[in-house]
Amino acid sequence: MRTLKEVRPLRDFRIECIFNDGSRKIADIKPFLSAEAFKPLLDPVIFSSMLRNNGYFVDWKQQEIDLSADTLWHIAVPEKD
């Protein structure tokens, strides 16, 4: 099962993800932001400072928003060197 070792918010609503297999990918969250449930993440402070890694998923503190490690894996692209 895929898990997240580390996550880091980036500019432009992206998240750097390091997975348990050592892969490093960048997930673009912008496509989710048009959904009502994800609207709070349009606030850059909420998006960047409230992001938490829970291993199997990320969530945003004090928000009812989460994305699974598998979802992030599938939407992310490998980080360019």
N, C-alpha and C. Protein backbone atom coordinates (compact mmCIF):
# COMPACT_ATOMS: atom_id res chain seq x y z
N MET A 1 0.84 -1.18 0.00
CA MET A 1 0.00 0.00 0.00
C MET A 1 0.89 1.25 0.00
N ARG A 2 0.52 2.19 -0.80
CA ARG A 2 1.27 3.44 -0.93
C ARG A 2 0.98 4.36 0.25
N THR A 3 2.05 4.94 0.80
CA THR A 3 1.88 5.94 1.86
C THR A 3 2.79 7.13 1.58
N LEU A 4 2.53 8.19 2.29
CA LEU A 4 3.31 9.43 2.15
C LEU A 4 4.33 9.53 3.28
N LYS A 5 5.59 9.70 2.91
CA LYS A 5 6.62 9.94 3.93
C LYS A 5 6.69 11.42 4.27
N GLU A 6 6.60 12.27 3.22
CA GLU A 6 6.68 13.71 3.43
C GLU A 6 5.78 14.43 2.42
N VAL A 7 5.25 15.55 2.84
CA VAL A 7 4.52 16.44 1.92
C VAL A 7 4.95 17.86 2.22
N ARG A 8 4.93 18.67 1.17
CA ARG A 8 5.30 20.08 1.33
C ARG A 8 4.47 20.90 0.36
N PRO A 9 3.77 21.92 0.87
CA PRO A 9 3.01 22.78 -0.03
C PRO A 9 3.95 23.61 -0.89
N LEU A 10 3.56 23.77 -2.14
CA LEU A 10 4.31 24.59 -3.09
C LEU A 10 3.42 25.72 -3.59
N ARG A 11 4.00 26.64 -4.32
CA ARG A 11 3.20 27.72 -4.92
C ARG A 11 2.23 27.16 -5.95
N ASP A 12 1.25 27.94 -6.26
CA ASP A 12 0.29 27.63 -7.32
C ASP A 12 -0.51 26.36 -7.03
N PHE A 13 -0.83 26.13 -5.75
CA PHE A 13 -1.70 25.03 -5.32
C PHE A 13 -1.16 23.65 -5.73
N ARG A 14 0.13 23.47 -5.49
CA ARG A 14 0.75 22.18 -5.75
C ARG A 14 1.33 21.64 -4.45
N ILE A 15 1.49 20.31 -4.39
CA ILE A 15 2.06 19.66 -3.22
C ILE A 15 3.19 18.75 -3.67
N GLU A 16 4.34 18.91 -3.04
CA GLU A 16 5.44 17.98 -3.27
C GLU A 16 5.19 16.78 -2.37
N CYS A 17 5.23 15.58 -2.95
CA CYS A 17 4.94 14.36 -2.21
C CYS A 17 6.12 13.40 -2.33
N ILE A 18 6.58 12.89 -1.20
CA ILE A 18 7.58 11.83 -1.19
C ILE A 18 6.88 10.59 -0.64
N PHE A 19 6.85 9.55 -1.46
CA PHE A 19 6.13 8.33 -1.13
C PHE A 19 7.04 7.29 -0.48
N ASN A 20 6.44 6.28 0.13
CA ASN A 20 7.20 5.26 0.84
C ASN A 20 8.14 4.46 -0.06
N ASP A 21 7.94 4.50 -1.37
CA ASP A 21 8.85 3.81 -2.28
C ASP A 21 10.03 4.70 -2.69
N GLY A 22 10.09 5.91 -2.11
CA GLY A 22 11.18 6.83 -2.41
C GLY A 22 10.90 7.78 -3.56
N SER A 23 9.82 7.56 -4.29
CA SER A 23 9.52 8.44 -5.42
C SER A 23 9.09 9.82 -4.92
N ARG A 24 9.42 10.81 -5.70
CA ARG A 24 9.11 12.21 -5.39
C ARG A 24 8.29 12.75 -6.56
N LYS A 25 7.08 13.23 -6.24
CA LYS A 25 6.17 13.71 -7.28
C LYS A 25 5.54 15.03 -6.86
N ILE A 26 5.03 15.75 -7.85
CA ILE A 26 4.32 17.01 -7.61
C ILE A 26 2.86 16.83 -8.01
N ALA A 27 1.97 17.05 -7.05
CA ALA A 27 0.53 16.94 -7.29
C ALA A 27 -0.07 18.34 -7.44
N ASP A 28 -0.77 18.55 -8.53
CA ASP A 28 -1.45 19.82 -8.79
C ASP A 28 -2.88 19.71 -8.28
N ILE A 29 -3.22 20.53 -7.31
CA ILE A 29 -4.53 20.46 -6.67
C ILE A 29 -5.55 21.39 -7.34
N LYS A 30 -5.09 22.25 -8.25
CA LYS A 30 -6.00 23.23 -8.88
C LYS A 30 -7.28 22.62 -9.45
N PRO A 31 -7.24 21.46 -10.11
CA PRO A 31 -8.49 20.92 -10.66
C PRO A 31 -9.57 20.64 -9.60
N PHE A 32 -9.16 20.42 -8.37
CA PHE A 32 -10.13 20.15 -7.30
C PHE A 32 -10.78 21.42 -6.77
N LEU A 33 -10.15 22.56 -6.98
CA LEU A 33 -10.59 23.80 -6.33
C LEU A 33 -11.92 24.34 -6.84
N SER A 34 -12.40 23.84 -7.95
CA SER A 34 -13.72 24.28 -8.42
C SER A 34 -14.85 23.58 -7.68
N ALA A 35 -14.54 22.49 -7.00
CA ALA A 35 -15.57 21.78 -6.21
C ALA A 35 -15.82 22.54 -4.90
N GLU A 36 -17.05 22.62 -4.51
CA GLU A 36 -17.45 23.37 -3.31
C GLU A 36 -16.66 22.93 -2.07
N ALA A 37 -16.46 21.65 -1.90
CA ALA A 37 -15.78 21.13 -0.71
C ALA A 37 -14.34 21.62 -0.60
N PHE A 38 -13.71 21.94 -1.72
CA PHE A 38 -12.31 22.35 -1.72
C PHE A 38 -12.12 23.87 -1.72
N LYS A 39 -13.21 24.63 -1.76
CA LYS A 39 -13.11 26.10 -1.83
C LYS A 39 -12.25 26.74 -0.74
N PRO A 40 -12.28 26.23 0.51
CA PRO A 40 -11.42 26.87 1.53
C PRO A 40 -9.94 26.86 1.16
N LEU A 41 -9.52 25.93 0.32
CA LEU A 41 -8.10 25.85 -0.05
C LEU A 41 -7.67 26.97 -0.99
N LEU A 42 -8.63 27.73 -1.51
CA LEU A 42 -8.28 28.88 -2.34
C LEU A 42 -7.56 29.95 -1.52
N ASP A 43 -7.72 29.90 -0.21
CA ASP A 43 -6.99 30.81 0.68
C ASP A 43 -5.57 30.26 0.82
N PRO A 44 -4.56 30.98 0.33
CA PRO A 44 -3.18 30.47 0.37
C PRO A 44 -2.68 30.13 1.77
N VAL A 45 -3.16 30.84 2.78
CA VAL A 45 -2.75 30.56 4.15
C VAL A 45 -3.27 29.19 4.57
N ILE A 46 -4.53 28.92 4.29
CA ILE A 46 -5.09 27.61 4.63
C ILE A 46 -4.38 26.53 3.84
N PHE A 47 -4.20 26.74 2.54
CA PHE A 47 -3.58 25.72 1.71
C PHE A 47 -2.19 25.36 2.21
N SER A 48 -1.38 26.35 2.51
CA SER A 48 0.02 26.05 2.84
C SER A 48 0.27 25.78 4.32
N SER A 49 -0.33 26.53 5.21
CA SER A 49 0.03 26.38 6.63
C SER A 49 -0.78 25.32 7.37
N MET A 50 -1.88 24.86 6.79
CA MET A 50 -2.70 23.88 7.49
C MET A 50 -2.61 22.47 6.90
N LEU A 51 -1.76 22.29 5.90
CA LEU A 51 -1.57 20.97 5.29
C LEU A 51 -0.90 20.03 6.29
N ARG A 52 -1.46 18.82 6.43
CA ARG A 52 -0.89 17.82 7.34
C ARG A 52 -0.75 16.48 6.62
N ASN A 53 0.33 15.80 6.92
CA ASN A 53 0.58 14.47 6.39
C ASN A 53 0.11 13.44 7.42
N ASN A 54 -0.80 12.58 7.02
CA ASN A 54 -1.28 11.52 7.89
C ASN A 54 -0.88 10.14 7.36
N GLY A 55 0.12 10.10 6.50
CA GLY A 55 0.62 8.83 5.99
C GLY A 55 -0.20 8.29 4.83
N TYR A 56 -1.42 7.88 5.11
CA TYR A 56 -2.30 7.34 4.07
C TYR A 56 -3.07 8.42 3.33
N PHE A 57 -3.03 9.64 3.86
CA PHE A 57 -3.73 10.76 3.23
C PHE A 57 -3.16 12.06 3.75
N VAL A 58 -3.47 13.15 3.05
CA VAL A 58 -3.20 14.49 3.58
C VAL A 58 -4.54 15.11 3.92
N ASP A 59 -4.51 16.01 4.88
CA ASP A 59 -5.70 16.80 5.16
C ASP A 59 -5.26 18.20 5.55
N TRP A 60 -6.25 19.04 5.73
CA TRP A 60 -5.99 20.41 6.12
C TRP A 60 -6.65 20.64 7.47
N LYS A 61 -5.84 21.03 8.45
CA LYS A 61 -6.29 21.23 9.82
C LYS A 61 -7.50 22.16 9.86
N GLN A 62 -8.48 21.78 10.65
CA GLN A 62 -9.73 22.53 10.86
C GLN A 62 -10.60 22.61 9.61
N GLN A 63 -10.31 21.80 8.62
CA GLN A 63 -11.13 21.71 7.41
C GLN A 63 -11.55 20.26 7.25
N GLU A 64 -12.64 20.02 6.62
CA GLU A 64 -13.06 18.65 6.35
C GLU A 64 -12.69 18.28 4.93
N ILE A 65 -11.39 18.37 4.65
CA ILE A 65 -10.86 18.14 3.31
C ILE A 65 -9.69 17.19 3.42
N ASP A 66 -9.70 16.13 2.60
CA ASP A 66 -8.54 15.25 2.56
C ASP A 66 -8.40 14.63 1.17
N LEU A 67 -7.19 14.18 0.89
CA LEU A 67 -6.88 13.48 -0.35
C LEU A 67 -6.00 12.28 0.01
N SER A 68 -6.34 11.12 -0.52
CA SER A 68 -5.58 9.92 -0.19
C SER A 68 -4.22 9.91 -0.88
N ALA A 69 -3.31 9.13 -0.31
CA ALA A 69 -1.98 8.96 -0.92
C ALA A 69 -2.14 8.40 -2.33
N ASP A 70 -3.07 7.47 -2.54
CA ASP A 70 -3.28 6.90 -3.87
C ASP A 70 -3.76 7.95 -4.87
N THR A 71 -4.67 8.82 -4.43
CA THR A 71 -5.14 9.89 -5.32
C THR A 71 -3.98 10.80 -5.70
N LEU A 72 -3.19 11.20 -4.71
CA LEU A 72 -2.05 12.06 -4.99
C LEU A 72 -1.07 11.38 -5.94
N TRP A 73 -0.84 10.09 -5.74
CA TRP A 73 0.07 9.33 -6.62
C TRP A 73 -0.42 9.38 -8.07
N HIS A 74 -1.72 9.19 -8.26
CA HIS A 74 -2.27 9.11 -9.62
C HIS A 74 -2.34 10.47 -10.33
N ILE A 75 -2.52 11.55 -9.58
CA ILE A 75 -2.62 12.85 -10.24
C ILE A 75 -1.26 13.55 -10.35
N ALA A 76 -0.27 13.07 -9.62
CA ALA A 76 1.02 13.73 -9.57
C ALA A 76 1.92 13.33 -10.76
N VAL A 77 2.87 14.20 -11.00
CA VAL A 77 3.89 13.93 -12.04
C VAL A 77 5.25 13.90 -11.35
N PRO A 78 6.18 13.12 -11.89
CA PRO A 78 7.52 13.06 -11.29
C PRO A 78 8.15 14.44 -11.21
N GLU A 79 8.85 14.67 -10.14
CA GLU A 79 9.54 15.94 -9.96
C GLU A 79 10.71 16.01 -10.92
N LYS A 80 10.85 17.16 -11.56
CA LYS A 80 11.97 17.35 -12.50
C LYS A 80 13.23 17.65 -11.72
N ASP A 81 14.33 17.07 -12.16
CA ASP A 81 15.62 17.32 -11.49
C ASP A 81 16.17 18.68 -11.85
